[in-house]
Amino acid sequence: MIVTYSGALTEAPRPPTWLSPDAKREWKRVAPVLVQRRHLTQTDLGMVEGFCVAMGRVREIERELQKPGAVLDPRMVRLQDKALSTARQIAAEIGLTPVSRSRPAIVDDDDSEDASDLALR
């Protein structure tokens, strides 16, 4: 794993081995995008794990609900709804939603111009 001066990872780490297959697929989908945008740091990996677990759970529950002859279990629907809500919250935190991507970005100190002339006097 290579890290830039700002702490951004320059390549996506492999998904944690303990993730479910659905969560691993989600990791492989989003981690490279976050790296490309320079939004992924070592300290963010836990949030990405949480997002992937939640999205994996949404997909796993959906597969169960769509099985032939499956009875719609309200508890499963609530679990899926909670997982989707969690995924949506984390996605907004880590820059995976259109709204979160439209917010002004924080620029690295070495990438920005000297703003000292903007100080109030």
PDB file of N, CA and C in Angstrom:
ATOM      1  N   MET A   1       0.851  -1.164   0.000  1.00  0.00           N
ATOM      2  CA  MET A   1       0.000   0.000   0.000  1.00  0.00           C
ATOM      3  C   MET A   1       0.905   1.237   0.000  1.00  0.00           C
ATOM      4  N   ILE A   2       0.714   2.108  -0.967  1.00  0.00           N
ATOM      5  CA  ILE A   2       1.502   3.323  -1.096  1.00  0.00           C
ATOM      6  C   ILE A   2       0.664   4.495  -0.618  1.00  0.00           C
ATOM      7  N   VAL A   3       1.298   5.409   0.139  1.00  0.00           N
ATOM      8  CA  VAL A   3       0.595   6.554   0.710  1.00  0.00           C
ATOM      9  C   VAL A   3       1.285   7.826   0.246  1.00  0.00           C
ATOM     10  N   THR A   4       0.497   8.852  -0.118  1.00  0.00           N
ATOM     11  CA  THR A   4       1.062  10.138  -0.501  1.00  0.00           C
ATOM     12  C   THR A   4       1.362  10.957   0.739  1.00  0.00           C
ATOM     13  N   TYR A   5       2.003  12.089   0.540  1.00  0.00           N
ATOM     14  CA  TYR A   5       2.322  12.993   1.640  1.00  0.00           C
ATOM     15  C   TYR A   5       1.067  13.384   2.409  1.00  0.00           C
ATOM     16  N   SER A   6      -0.035  13.593   1.707  1.00  0.00           N
ATOM     17  CA  SER A   6      -1.282  14.002   2.347  1.00  0.00           C
ATOM     18  C   SER A   6      -1.952  12.853   3.094  1.00  0.00           C
ATOM     19  N   GLY A   7      -1.449  11.655   2.949  1.00  0.00           N
ATOM     20  CA  GLY A   7      -2.044  10.499   3.600  1.00  0.00           C
ATOM     21  C   GLY A   7      -2.973   9.714   2.703  1.00  0.00           C
ATOM     22  N   ALA A   8      -3.259  10.235   1.514  1.00  0.00           N
ATOM     23  CA  ALA A   8      -4.143   9.518   0.589  1.00  0.00           C
ATOM     24  C   ALA A   8      -3.432   8.286   0.046  1.00  0.00           C
ATOM     25  N   LEU A   9      -4.162   7.186   0.003  1.00  0.00           N
ATOM     26  CA  LEU A   9      -3.594   5.965  -0.562  1.00  0.00           C
ATOM     27  C   LEU A   9      -3.510   6.107  -2.077  1.00  0.00           C
ATOM     28  N   THR A  10      -2.485   5.548  -2.664  1.00  0.00           N
ATOM     29  CA  THR A  10      -2.326   5.628  -4.111  1.00  0.00           C
ATOM     30  C   THR A  10      -2.755   4.347  -4.821  1.00  0.00           C
ATOM     31  N   GLU A  11      -3.065   3.338  -4.043  1.00  0.00           N
ATOM     32  CA  GLU A  11      -3.628   2.123  -4.628  1.00  0.00           C
ATOM     33  C   GLU A  11      -4.587   1.509  -3.622  1.00  0.00           C
ATOM     34  N   ALA A  12      -5.597   0.863  -4.143  1.00  0.00           N
ATOM     35  CA  ALA A  12      -6.623   0.283  -3.278  1.00  0.00           C
ATOM     36  C   ALA A  12      -6.089  -0.973  -2.607  1.00  0.00           C
ATOM     37  N   PRO A  13      -6.231  -1.051  -1.294  1.00  0.00           N
ATOM     38  CA  PRO A  13      -5.829  -2.280  -0.608  1.00  0.00           C
ATOM     39  C   PRO A  13      -6.783  -3.418  -0.939  1.00  0.00           C
ATOM     40  N   ARG A  14      -6.320  -4.620  -0.740  1.00  0.00           N
ATOM     41  CA  ARG A  14      -7.182  -5.791  -0.936  1.00  0.00           C
ATOM     42  C   ARG A  14      -8.284  -5.759   0.120  1.00  0.00           C
ATOM     43  N   PRO A  15      -9.455  -6.289  -0.200  1.00  0.00           N
ATOM     44  CA  PRO A  15     -10.520  -6.309   0.807  1.00  0.00           C
ATOM     45  C   PRO A  15     -10.132  -7.207   1.977  1.00  0.00           C
ATOM     46  N   PRO A  16     -10.571  -6.872   3.169  1.00  0.00           N
ATOM     47  CA  PRO A  16     -10.302  -7.744   4.316  1.00  0.00           C
ATOM     48  C   PRO A  16     -10.858  -9.146   4.063  1.00  0.00           C
ATOM     49  N   THR A  17     -10.138 -10.139   4.499  1.00  0.00           N
ATOM     50  CA  THR A  17     -10.536 -11.526   4.241  1.00  0.00           C
ATOM     51  C   THR A  17     -11.839 -11.903   4.922  1.00  0.00           C
ATOM     52  N   TRP A  18     -12.174 -11.243   6.013  1.00  0.00           N
ATOM     53  CA  TRP A  18     -13.363 -11.604   6.778  1.00  0.00           C
ATOM     54  C   TRP A  18     -14.660 -11.078   6.164  1.00  0.00           C
ATOM     55  N   LEU A  19     -14.582 -10.196   5.166  1.00  0.00           N
ATOM     56  CA  LEU A  19     -15.787  -9.671   4.539  1.00  0.00           C
ATOM     57  C   LEU A  19     -16.529 -10.786   3.803  1.00  0.00           C
ATOM     58  N   SER A  20     -17.849 -10.664   3.750  1.00  0.00           N
ATOM     59  CA  SER A  20     -18.659 -11.615   2.981  1.00  0.00           C
ATOM     60  C   SER A  20     -18.346 -11.433   1.492  1.00  0.00           C
ATOM     61  N   PRO A  21     -18.687 -12.399   0.657  1.00  0.00           N
ATOM     62  CA  PRO A  21     -18.450 -12.240  -0.783  1.00  0.00           C
ATOM     63  C   PRO A  21     -19.101 -10.975  -1.362  1.00  0.00           C
ATOM     64  N   ASP A  22     -20.331 -10.665  -0.943  1.00  0.00           N
ATOM     65  CA  ASP A  22     -20.984  -9.446  -1.438  1.00  0.00           C
ATOM     66  C   ASP A  22     -20.234  -8.199  -0.979  1.00  0.00           C
ATOM     67  N   ALA A  23     -19.791  -8.186   0.266  1.00  0.00           N
ATOM     68  CA  ALA A  23     -19.058  -7.036   0.789  1.00  0.00           C
ATOM     69  C   ALA A  23     -17.709  -6.887   0.081  1.00  0.00           C
ATOM     70  N   LYS A  24     -17.054  -7.995  -0.230  1.00  0.00           N
ATOM     71  CA  LYS A  24     -15.783  -7.935  -0.969  1.00  0.00           C
ATOM     72  C   LYS A  24     -15.991  -7.353  -2.365  1.00  0.00           C
ATOM     73  N   ARG A  25     -17.072  -7.746  -3.022  1.00  0.00           N
ATOM     74  CA  ARG A  25     -17.357  -7.187  -4.352  1.00  0.00           C
ATOM     75  C   ARG A  25     -17.572  -5.676  -4.262  1.00  0.00           C
ATOM     76  N   GLU A  26     -18.256  -5.244  -3.211  1.00  0.00           N
ATOM     77  CA  GLU A  26     -18.488  -3.810  -3.025  1.00  0.00           C
ATOM     78  C   GLU A  26     -17.163  -3.089  -2.773  1.00  0.00           C
ATOM     79  N   TRP A  27     -16.292  -3.680  -1.979  1.00  0.00           N
ATOM     80  CA  TRP A  27     -14.966  -3.111  -1.716  1.00  0.00           C
ATOM     81  C   TRP A  27     -14.207  -2.926  -3.036  1.00  0.00           C
ATOM     82  N   LYS A  28     -14.217  -3.964  -3.854  1.00  0.00           N
ATOM     83  CA  LYS A  28     -13.494  -3.905  -5.130  1.00  0.00           C
ATOM     84  C   LYS A  28     -14.103  -2.874  -6.075  1.00  0.00           C
ATOM     85  N   ARG A  29     -15.372  -2.549  -5.891  1.00  0.00           N
ATOM     86  CA  ARG A  29     -16.035  -1.544  -6.705  1.00  0.00           C
ATOM     87  C   ARG A  29     -15.717  -0.130  -6.229  1.00  0.00           C
ATOM     88  N   VAL A  30     -15.751   0.118  -4.913  1.00  0.00           N
ATOM     89  CA  VAL A  30     -15.632   1.493  -4.420  1.00  0.00           C
ATOM     90  C   VAL A  30     -14.223   1.911  -4.029  1.00  0.00           C
ATOM     91  N   ALA A  31     -13.401   0.999  -3.528  1.00  0.00           N
ATOM     92  CA  ALA A  31     -12.061   1.388  -3.071  1.00  0.00           C
ATOM     93  C   ALA A  31     -11.231   2.021  -4.195  1.00  0.00           C
ATOM     94  N   PRO A  32     -11.198   1.453  -5.404  1.00  0.00           N
ATOM     95  CA  PRO A  32     -10.420   2.099  -6.470  1.00  0.00           C
ATOM     96  C   PRO A  32     -10.934   3.498  -6.825  1.00  0.00           C
ATOM     97  N   VAL A  33     -12.239   3.694  -6.748  1.00  0.00           N
ATOM     98  CA  VAL A  33     -12.814   5.013  -7.045  1.00  0.00           C
ATOM     99  C   VAL A  33     -12.364   6.022  -5.992  1.00  0.00           C
ATOM    100  N   LEU A  34     -12.400   5.626  -4.725  1.00  0.00           N
ATOM    101  CA  LEU A  34     -11.971   6.528  -3.655  1.00  0.00           C
ATOM    102  C   LEU A  34     -10.481   6.840  -3.752  1.00  0.00           C
ATOM    103  N   VAL A  35      -9.684   5.863  -4.146  1.00  0.00           N
ATOM    104  CA  VAL A  35      -8.248   6.096  -4.337  1.00  0.00           C
ATOM    105  C   VAL A  35      -8.029   7.073  -5.484  1.00  0.00           C
ATOM    106  N   GLN A  36      -8.720   6.867  -6.582  1.00  0.00           N
ATOM    107  CA  GLN A  36      -8.579   7.748  -7.747  1.00  0.00           C
ATOM    108  C   GLN A  36      -8.919   9.191  -7.383  1.00  0.00           C
ATOM    109  N   ARG A  37      -9.918   9.379  -6.561  1.00  0.00           N
ATOM    110  CA  ARG A  37     -10.320  10.732  -6.144  1.00  0.00           C
ATOM    111  C   ARG A  37      -9.448  11.286  -5.023  1.00  0.00           C
ATOM    112  N   ARG A  38      -8.521  10.471  -4.530  1.00  0.00           N
ATOM    113  CA  ARG A  38      -7.650  10.839  -3.398  1.00  0.00           C
ATOM    114  C   ARG A  38      -8.468  11.082  -2.132  1.00  0.00           C
ATOM    115  N   HIS A  39      -9.528  10.289  -1.948  1.00  0.00           N
ATOM    116  CA  HIS A  39     -10.400  10.397  -0.784  1.00  0.00           C
ATOM    117  C   HIS A  39     -10.169   9.284   0.223  1.00  0.00           C
ATOM    118  N   LEU A  40      -9.246   8.381  -0.050  1.00  0.00           N
ATOM    119  CA  LEU A  40      -9.081   7.227   0.832  1.00  0.00           C
ATOM    120  C   LEU A  40      -7.736   7.290   1.539  1.00  0.00           C
ATOM    121  N   THR A  41      -7.790   7.294   2.867  1.00  0.00           N
ATOM    122  CA  THR A  41      -6.579   7.246   3.680  1.00  0.00           C
ATOM    123  C   THR A  41      -6.629   5.993   4.544  1.00  0.00           C
ATOM    124  N   GLN A  42      -5.534   5.692   5.177  1.00  0.00           N
ATOM    125  CA  GLN A  42      -5.456   4.530   6.058  1.00  0.00           C
ATOM    126  C   GLN A  42      -6.527   4.610   7.143  1.00  0.00           C
ATOM    127  N   THR A  43      -6.763   5.789   7.666  1.00  0.00           N
ATOM    128  CA  THR A  43      -7.744   5.942   8.749  1.00  0.00           C
ATOM    129  C   THR A  43      -9.183   5.801   8.260  1.00  0.00           C
ATOM    130  N   ASP A  44      -9.422   5.887   6.964  1.00  0.00           N
ATOM    131  CA  ASP A  44     -10.769   5.748   6.407  1.00  0.00           C
ATOM    132  C   ASP A  44     -11.165   4.295   6.146  1.00  0.00           C
ATOM    133  N   LEU A  45     -10.218   3.392   6.226  1.00  0.00           N
ATOM    134  CA  LEU A  45     -10.497   2.013   5.822  1.00  0.00           C
ATOM    135  C   LEU A  45     -11.608   1.369   6.653  1.00  0.00           C
ATOM    136  N   GLY A  46     -11.697   1.706   7.926  1.00  0.00           N
ATOM    137  CA  GLY A  46     -12.771   1.165   8.758  1.00  0.00           C
ATOM    138  C   GLY A  46     -14.140   1.605   8.281  1.00  0.00           C
ATOM    139  N   MET A  47     -14.236   2.862   7.854  1.00  0.00           N
ATOM    140  CA  MET A  47     -15.509   3.354   7.327  1.00  0.00           C
ATOM    141  C   MET A  47     -15.868   2.633   6.028  1.00  0.00           C
ATOM    142  N   VAL A  48     -14.872   2.392   5.186  1.00  0.00           N
ATOM    143  CA  VAL A  48     -15.127   1.671   3.937  1.00  0.00           C
ATOM    144  C   VAL A  48     -15.566   0.242   4.253  1.00  0.00           C
ATOM    145  N   GLU A  49     -14.927  -0.377   5.249  1.00  0.00           N
ATOM    146  CA  GLU A  49     -15.350  -1.711   5.668  1.00  0.00           C
ATOM    147  C   GLU A  49     -16.819  -1.695   6.096  1.00  0.00           C
ATOM    148  N   GLY A  50     -17.185  -0.722   6.934  1.00  0.00           N
ATOM    149  CA  GLY A  50     -18.568  -0.624   7.397  1.00  0.00           C
ATOM    150  C   GLY A  50     -19.550  -0.444   6.257  1.00  0.00           C
ATOM    151  N   PHE A  51     -19.182   0.414   5.300  1.00  0.00           N
ATOM    152  CA  PHE A  51     -20.031   0.626   4.124  1.00  0.00           C
ATOM    153  C   PHE A  51     -20.210  -0.683   3.364  1.00  0.00           C
ATOM    154  N   CYS A  52     -19.116  -1.387   3.145  1.00  0.00           N
ATOM    155  CA  CYS A  52     -19.178  -2.628   2.365  1.00  0.00           C
ATOM    156  C   CYS A  52     -19.957  -3.710   3.096  1.00  0.00           C
ATOM    157  N   VAL A  53     -19.807  -3.802   4.421  1.00  0.00           N
ATOM    158  CA  VAL A  53     -20.587  -4.766   5.195  1.00  0.00           C
ATOM    159  C   VAL A  53     -22.070  -4.452   5.045  1.00  0.00           C
ATOM    160  N   ALA A  54     -22.432  -3.180   5.190  1.00  0.00           N
ATOM    161  CA  ALA A  54     -23.842  -2.789   5.089  1.00  0.00           C
ATOM    162  C   ALA A  54     -24.398  -3.094   3.704  1.00  0.00           C
ATOM    163  N   MET A  55     -23.670  -2.736   2.659  1.00  0.00           N
ATOM    164  CA  MET A  55     -24.161  -3.008   1.300  1.00  0.00           C
ATOM    165  C   MET A  55     -24.205  -4.506   1.011  1.00  0.00           C
ATOM    166  N   GLY A  56     -23.235  -5.243   1.534  1.00  0.00           N
ATOM    167  CA  GLY A  56     -23.262  -6.696   1.378  1.00  0.00           C
ATOM    168  C   GLY A  56     -24.492  -7.289   2.034  1.00  0.00           C
ATOM    169  N   ARG A  57     -24.829  -6.765   3.216  1.00  0.00           N
ATOM    170  CA  ARG A  57     -26.007  -7.244   3.935  1.00  0.00           C
ATOM    171  C   ARG A  57     -27.284  -6.936   3.156  1.00  0.00           C
ATOM    172  N   VAL A  58     -27.365  -5.747   2.567  1.00  0.00           N
ATOM    173  CA  VAL A  58     -28.540  -5.382   1.753  1.00  0.00           C
ATOM    174  C   VAL A  58     -28.724  -6.406   0.642  1.00  0.00           C
ATOM    175  N   ARG A  59     -27.646  -6.736  -0.035  1.00  0.00           N
ATOM    176  CA  ARG A  59     -27.738  -7.674  -1.166  1.00  0.00           C
ATOM    177  C   ARG A  59     -28.067  -9.097  -0.709  1.00  0.00           C
ATOM    178  N   GLU A  60     -27.455  -9.513   0.405  1.00  0.00           N
ATOM    179  CA  GLU A  60     -27.714 -10.858   0.910  1.00  0.00           C
ATOM    180  C   GLU A  60     -29.187 -11.008   1.309  1.00  0.00           C
ATOM    181  N   ILE A  61     -29.718 -10.009   1.996  1.00  0.00           N
ATOM    182  CA  ILE A  61     -31.121 -10.062   2.415  1.00  0.00           C
ATOM    183  C   ILE A  61     -32.034 -10.031   1.194  1.00  0.00           C
ATOM    184  N   GLU A  62     -31.704  -9.210   0.200  1.00  0.00           N
ATOM    185  CA  GLU A  62     -32.531  -9.132  -1.005  1.00  0.00           C
ATOM    186  C   GLU A  62     -32.594 -10.482  -1.710  1.00  0.00           C
ATOM    187  N   ARG A  63     -31.465 -11.175  -1.765  1.00  0.00           N
ATOM    188  CA  ARG A  63     -31.461 -12.505  -2.384  1.00  0.00           C
ATOM    189  C   ARG A  63     -32.392 -13.457  -1.629  1.00  0.00           C
ATOM    190  N   GLU A  64     -32.360 -13.380  -0.295  1.00  0.00           N
ATOM    191  CA  GLU A  64     -33.245 -14.233   0.508  1.00  0.00           C
ATOM    192  C   GLU A  64     -34.708 -13.889   0.255  1.00  0.00           C
ATOM    193  N   LEU A  65     -35.004 -12.597   0.181  1.00  0.00           N
ATOM    194  CA  LEU A  65     -36.390 -12.166  -0.029  1.00  0.00           C
ATOM    195  C   LEU A  65     -36.912 -12.554  -1.408  1.00  0.00           C
ATOM    196  N   GLN A  66     -36.013 -12.684  -2.383  1.00  0.00           N
ATOM    197  CA  GLN A  66     -36.440 -13.002  -3.748  1.00  0.00           C
ATOM    198  C   GLN A  66     -36.448 -14.494  -4.072  1.00  0.00           C
ATOM    199  N   LYS A  67     -36.062 -15.313  -3.116  1.00  0.00           N
ATOM    200  CA  LYS A  67     -36.068 -16.755  -3.372  1.00  0.00           C
ATOM    201  C   LYS A  67     -37.490 -17.218  -3.676  1.00  0.00           C
ATOM    202  N   PRO A  68     -37.616 -18.158  -4.623  1.00  0.00           N
ATOM    203  CA  PRO A  68     -38.953 -18.679  -4.942  1.00  0.00           C
ATOM    204  C   PRO A  68     -39.618 -19.248  -3.692  1.00  0.00           C
ATOM    205  N   GLY A  69     -40.855 -18.845  -3.484  1.00  0.00           N
ATOM    206  CA  GLY A  69     -41.617 -19.346  -2.344  1.00  0.00           C
ATOM    207  C   GLY A  69     -41.297 -18.655  -1.024  1.00  0.00           C
ATOM    208  N   ALA A  70     -40.402 -17.680  -1.048  1.00  0.00           N
ATOM    209  CA  ALA A  70     -40.055 -16.977   0.195  1.00  0.00           C
ATOM    210  C   ALA A  70     -41.243 -16.166   0.685  1.00  0.00           C
ATOM    211  N   VAL A  71     -41.456 -16.212   1.970  1.00  0.00           N
ATOM    212  CA  VAL A  71     -42.512 -15.431   2.601  1.00  0.00           C
ATOM    213  C   VAL A  71     -41.877 -14.119   3.051  1.00  0.00           C
ATOM    214  N   LEU A  72     -42.538 -13.012   2.763  1.00  0.00           N
ATOM    215  CA  LEU A  72     -42.005 -11.704   3.124  1.00  0.00           C
ATOM    216  C   LEU A  72     -41.986 -11.571   4.643  1.00  0.00           C
ATOM    217  N   ASP A  73     -40.800 -11.596   5.196  1.00  0.00           N
ATOM    218  CA  ASP A  73     -40.617 -11.513   6.645  1.00  0.00           C
ATOM    219  C   ASP A  73     -40.352 -10.054   7.016  1.00  0.00           C
ATOM    220  N   PRO A  74     -41.244  -9.430   7.766  1.00  0.00           N
ATOM    221  CA  PRO A  74     -41.060  -8.020   8.130  1.00  0.00           C
ATOM    222  C   PRO A  74     -39.741  -7.746   8.854  1.00  0.00           C
ATOM    223  N   ARG A  75     -39.259  -8.729   9.624  1.00  0.00           N
ATOM    224  CA  ARG A  75     -37.970  -8.537  10.324  1.00  0.00           C
ATOM    225  C   ARG A  75     -36.830  -8.416   9.324  1.00  0.00           C
ATOM    226  N   MET A  76     -36.863  -9.235   8.283  1.00  0.00           N
ATOM    227  CA  MET A  76     -35.812  -9.172   7.254  1.00  0.00           C
ATOM    228  C   MET A  76     -35.868  -7.834   6.516  1.00  0.00           C
ATOM    229  N   VAL A  77     -37.081  -7.368   6.235  1.00  0.00           N
ATOM    230  CA  VAL A  77     -37.240  -6.079   5.557  1.00  0.00           C
ATOM    231  C   VAL A  77     -36.685  -4.965   6.434  1.00  0.00           C
ATOM    232  N   ARG A  78     -36.957  -5.014   7.735  1.00  0.00           N
ATOM    233  CA  ARG A  78     -36.413  -3.994   8.650  1.00  0.00           C
ATOM    234  C   ARG A  78     -34.892  -4.061   8.702  1.00  0.00           C
ATOM    235  N   LEU A  79     -34.343  -5.262   8.752  1.00  0.00           N
ATOM    236  CA  LEU A  79     -32.886  -5.409   8.762  1.00  0.00           C
ATOM    237  C   LEU A  79     -32.274  -4.833   7.488  1.00  0.00           C
ATOM    238  N   GLN A  80     -32.916  -5.113   6.364  1.00  0.00           N
ATOM    239  CA  GLN A  80     -32.416  -4.599   5.099  1.00  0.00           C
ATOM    240  C   GLN A  80     -32.499  -3.071   5.076  1.00  0.00           C
ATOM    241  N   ASP A  81     -33.608  -2.535   5.551  1.00  0.00           N
ATOM    242  CA  ASP A  81     -33.782  -1.090   5.589  1.00  0.00           C
ATOM    243  C   ASP A  81     -32.722  -0.440   6.473  1.00  0.00           C
ATOM    244  N   LYS A  82     -32.432  -1.039   7.621  1.00  0.00           N
ATOM    245  CA  LYS A  82     -31.405  -0.509   8.531  1.00  0.00           C
ATOM    246  C   LYS A  82     -30.028  -0.565   7.869  1.00  0.00           C
ATOM    247  N   ALA A  83     -29.732  -1.653   7.195  1.00  0.00           N
ATOM    248  CA  ALA A  83     -28.437  -1.786   6.516  1.00  0.00           C
ATOM    249  C   ALA A  83     -28.302  -0.746   5.407  1.00  0.00           C
ATOM    250  N   LEU A  84     -29.389  -0.528   4.660  1.00  0.00           N
ATOM    251  CA  LEU A  84     -29.354   0.465   3.590  1.00  0.00           C
ATOM    252  C   LEU A  84     -29.183   1.867   4.161  1.00  0.00           C
ATOM    253  N   SER A  85     -29.844   2.156   5.254  1.00  0.00           N
ATOM    254  CA  SER A  85     -29.711   3.455   5.909  1.00  0.00           C
ATOM    255  C   SER A  85     -28.277   3.671   6.396  1.00  0.00           C
ATOM    256  N   THR A  86     -27.695   2.647   6.992  1.00  0.00           N
ATOM    257  CA  THR A  86     -26.308   2.722   7.446  1.00  0.00           C
ATOM    258  C   THR A  86     -25.372   2.953   6.272  1.00  0.00           C
ATOM    259  N   ALA A  87     -25.576   2.211   5.202  1.00  0.00           N
ATOM    260  CA  ALA A  87     -24.734   2.368   4.007  1.00  0.00           C
ATOM    261  C   ALA A  87     -24.842   3.779   3.450  1.00  0.00           C
ATOM    262  N   ARG A  88     -26.054   4.309   3.420  1.00  0.00           N
ATOM    263  CA  ARG A  88     -26.262   5.663   2.896  1.00  0.00           C
ATOM    264  C   ARG A  88     -25.541   6.703   3.750  1.00  0.00           C
ATOM    265  N   GLN A  89     -25.601   6.562   5.070  1.00  0.00           N
ATOM    266  CA  GLN A  89     -24.922   7.491   5.969  1.00  0.00           C
ATOM    267  C   GLN A  89     -23.408   7.431   5.783  1.00  0.00           C
ATOM    268  N   ILE A  90     -22.871   6.231   5.722  1.00  0.00           N
ATOM    269  CA  ILE A  90     -21.423   6.087   5.546  1.00  0.00           C
ATOM    270  C   ILE A  90     -21.009   6.583   4.165  1.00  0.00           C
ATOM    271  N   ALA A  91     -21.803   6.294   3.146  1.00  0.00           N
ATOM    272  CA  ALA A  91     -21.486   6.751   1.789  1.00  0.00           C
ATOM    273  C   ALA A  91     -21.343   8.268   1.754  1.00  0.00           C
ATOM    274  N   ALA A  92     -22.219   8.957   2.457  1.00  0.00           N
ATOM    275  CA  ALA A  92     -22.139  10.419   2.493  1.00  0.00           C
ATOM    276  C   ALA A  92     -20.866  10.877   3.200  1.00  0.00           C
ATOM    277  N   GLU A  93     -20.457  10.152   4.221  1.00  0.00           N
ATOM    278  CA  GLU A  93     -19.249  10.515   4.965  1.00  0.00           C
ATOM    279  C   GLU A  93     -17.981  10.313   4.140  1.00  0.00           C
ATOM    280  N   ILE A  94     -17.952   9.280   3.325  1.00  0.00           N
ATOM    281  CA  ILE A  94     -16.716   8.964   2.605  1.00  0.00           C
ATOM    282  C   ILE A  94     -16.714   9.444   1.155  1.00  0.00           C
ATOM    283  N   GLY A  95     -17.709  10.217   0.780  1.00  0.00           N
ATOM    284  CA  GLY A  95     -17.702  10.832  -0.546  1.00  0.00           C
ATOM    285  C   GLY A  95     -18.239   9.975  -1.667  1.00  0.00           C
ATOM    286  N   LEU A  96     -19.192   9.117  -1.371  1.00  0.00           N
ATOM    287  CA  LEU A  96     -19.744   8.242  -2.404  1.00  0.00           C
ATOM    288  C   LEU A  96     -21.130   8.657  -2.875  1.00  0.00           C
ATOM    289  N   THR A  97     -21.604   9.823  -2.450  1.00  0.00           N
ATOM    290  CA  THR A  97     -22.914  10.298  -2.907  1.00  0.00           C
ATOM    291  C   THR A  97     -22.721  11.554  -3.745  1.00  0.00           C
ATOM    292  N   PRO A  98     -23.644  11.832  -4.642  1.00  0.00           N
ATOM    293  CA  PRO A  98     -23.523  13.055  -5.455  1.00  0.00           C
ATOM    294  C   PRO A  98     -23.423  14.322  -4.601  1.00  0.00           C
ATOM    295  N   VAL A  99     -24.198  14.400  -3.525  1.00  0.00           N
ATOM    296  CA  VAL A  99     -24.153  15.589  -2.669  1.00  0.00           C
ATOM    297  C   VAL A  99     -22.794  15.715  -1.988  1.00  0.00           C
ATOM    298  N   SER A 100     -22.269  14.611  -1.462  1.00  0.00           N
ATOM    299  CA  SER A 100     -20.986  14.691  -0.771  1.00  0.00           C
ATOM    300  C   SER A 100     -19.854  15.029  -1.740  1.00  0.00           C
ATOM    301  N   ARG A 101     -19.987  14.622  -2.988  1.00  0.00           N
ATOM    302  CA  ARG A 101     -18.940  14.961  -3.974  1.00  0.00           C
ATOM    303  C   ARG A 101     -19.030  16.417  -4.411  1.00  0.00           C
ATOM    304  N   SER A 102     -20.183  17.049  -4.228  1.00  0.00           N
ATOM    305  CA  SER A 102     -20.337  18.437  -4.665  1.00  0.00           C
ATOM    306  C   SER A 102     -19.842  19.431  -3.622  1.00  0.00           C
ATOM    307  N   ARG A 103     -19.571  18.963  -2.416  1.00  0.00           N
ATOM    308  CA  ARG A 103     -19.056  19.855  -1.369  1.00  0.00           C
ATOM    309  C   ARG A 103     -17.629  20.274  -1.709  1.00  0.00           C
ATOM    310  N   PRO A 104     -17.245  21.469  -1.287  1.00  0.00           N
ATOM    311  CA  PRO A 104     -15.866  21.906  -1.536  1.00  0.00           C
ATOM    312  C   PRO A 104     -14.874  20.943  -0.882  1.00  0.00           C
ATOM    313  N   ALA A 105     -13.822  20.647  -1.598  1.00  0.00           N
ATOM    314  CA  ALA A 105     -12.809  19.722  -1.090  1.00  0.00           C
ATOM    315  C   ALA A 105     -11.798  20.471  -0.241  1.00  0.00           C
ATOM    316  N   ILE A 106     -11.210  19.763   0.699  1.00  0.00           N
ATOM    317  CA  ILE A 106     -10.105  20.313   1.471  1.00  0.00           C
ATOM    318  C   ILE A 106      -8.838  20.045   0.673  1.00  0.00           C
ATOM    319  N   VAL A 107      -8.057  21.078   0.459  1.00  0.00           N
ATOM    320  CA  VAL A 107      -6.852  20.970  -0.357  1.00  0.00           C
ATOM    321  C   VAL A 107      -5.657  20.760   0.543  1.00  0.00           C
ATOM    322  N   ASP A 108      -4.724  19.909   0.115  1.00  0.00           N
ATOM    323  CA  ASP A 108      -3.491  19.694   0.868  1.00  0.00           C
ATOM    324  C   ASP A 108      -2.719  20.993   0.967  1.00  0.00           C
ATOM    325  N   ASP A 109      -2.001  21.165   2.078  1.00  0.00           N
ATOM    326  CA  ASP A 109      -1.207  22.371   2.268  1.00  0.00           C
ATOM    327  C   ASP A 109      -0.209  22.587   1.141  1.00  0.00           C
ATOM    328  N   ASP A 110       0.414  21.510   0.677  1.00  0.00           N
ATOM    329  CA  ASP A 110       1.418  21.664  -0.362  1.00  0.00           C
ATOM    330  C   ASP A 110       0.812  21.878  -1.741  1.00  0.00           C
ATOM    331  N   ASP A 111      -0.505  21.687  -1.896  1.00  0.00           N
ATOM    332  CA  ASP A 111      -1.176  21.905  -3.172  1.00  0.00           C
ATOM    333  C   ASP A 111      -1.823  23.284  -3.263  1.00  0.00           C
ATOM    334  N   SER A 112      -1.928  23.985  -2.131  1.00  0.00           N
ATOM    335  CA  SER A 112      -2.646  25.246  -2.129  1.00  0.00           C
ATOM    336  C   SER A 112      -1.686  26.415  -2.175  1.00  0.00           C
ATOM    337  N   GLU A 113      -2.227  27.545  -2.576  1.00  0.00           N
ATOM    338  CA  GLU A 113      -1.440  28.766  -2.571  1.00  0.00           C
ATOM    339  C   GLU A 113      -1.450  29.336  -1.174  1.00  0.00           C
ATOM    340  N   ASP A 114      -0.500  30.210  -0.879  1.00  0.00           N
ATOM    341  CA  ASP A 114      -0.433  30.832   0.427  1.00  0.00           C
ATOM    342  C   ASP A 114      -1.653  31.719   0.610  1.00  0.00           C
ATOM    343  N   ALA A 115      -2.436  31.435   1.637  1.00  0.00           N
ATOM    344  CA  ALA A 115      -3.660  32.200   1.880  1.00  0.00           C
ATOM    345  C   ALA A 115      -3.463  33.267   2.948  1.00  0.00           C
ATOM    346  N   SER A 116      -2.211  33.519   3.344  1.00  0.00           N
ATOM    347  CA  SER A 116      -1.968  34.471   4.429  1.00  0.00           C
ATOM    348  C   SER A 116      -2.436  35.877   4.073  1.00  0.00           C
ATOM    349  N   ASP A 117      -2.471  36.196   2.783  1.00  0.00           N
ATOM    350  CA  ASP A 117      -2.923  37.532   2.393  1.00  0.00           C
ATOM    351  C   ASP A 117      -4.444  37.671   2.544  1.00  0.00           C
ATOM    352  N   LEU A 118      -5.131  36.602   2.872  1.00  0.00           N
ATOM    353  CA  LEU A 118      -6.564  36.646   3.084  1.00  0.00           C
ATOM    354  C   LEU A 118      -6.928  36.878   4.554  1.00  0.00           C
ATOM    355  N   ALA A 119      -5.936  36.870   5.406  1.00  0.00           N
ATOM    356  CA  ALA A 119      -6.203  37.027   6.835  1.00  0.00           C
ATOM    357  C   ALA A 119      -6.799  38.394   7.107  1.00  0.00           C
ATOM    358  N   LEU A 120      -7.716  38.419   8.080  1.00  0.00           N
ATOM    359  CA  LEU A 120      -8.304  39.696   8.475  1.00  0.00           C
ATOM    360  C   LEU A 120      -7.281  40.512   9.232  1.00  0.00           C
ATOM    361  N   ARG A 121      -7.299  41.794   8.990  1.00  0.00           N
ATOM    362  CA  ARG A 121      -6.343  42.667   9.664  1.00  0.00           C
ATOM    363  C   ARG A 121      -7.062  43.568  10.612  1.00  0.00           C
TER     364      ARG A 121
END
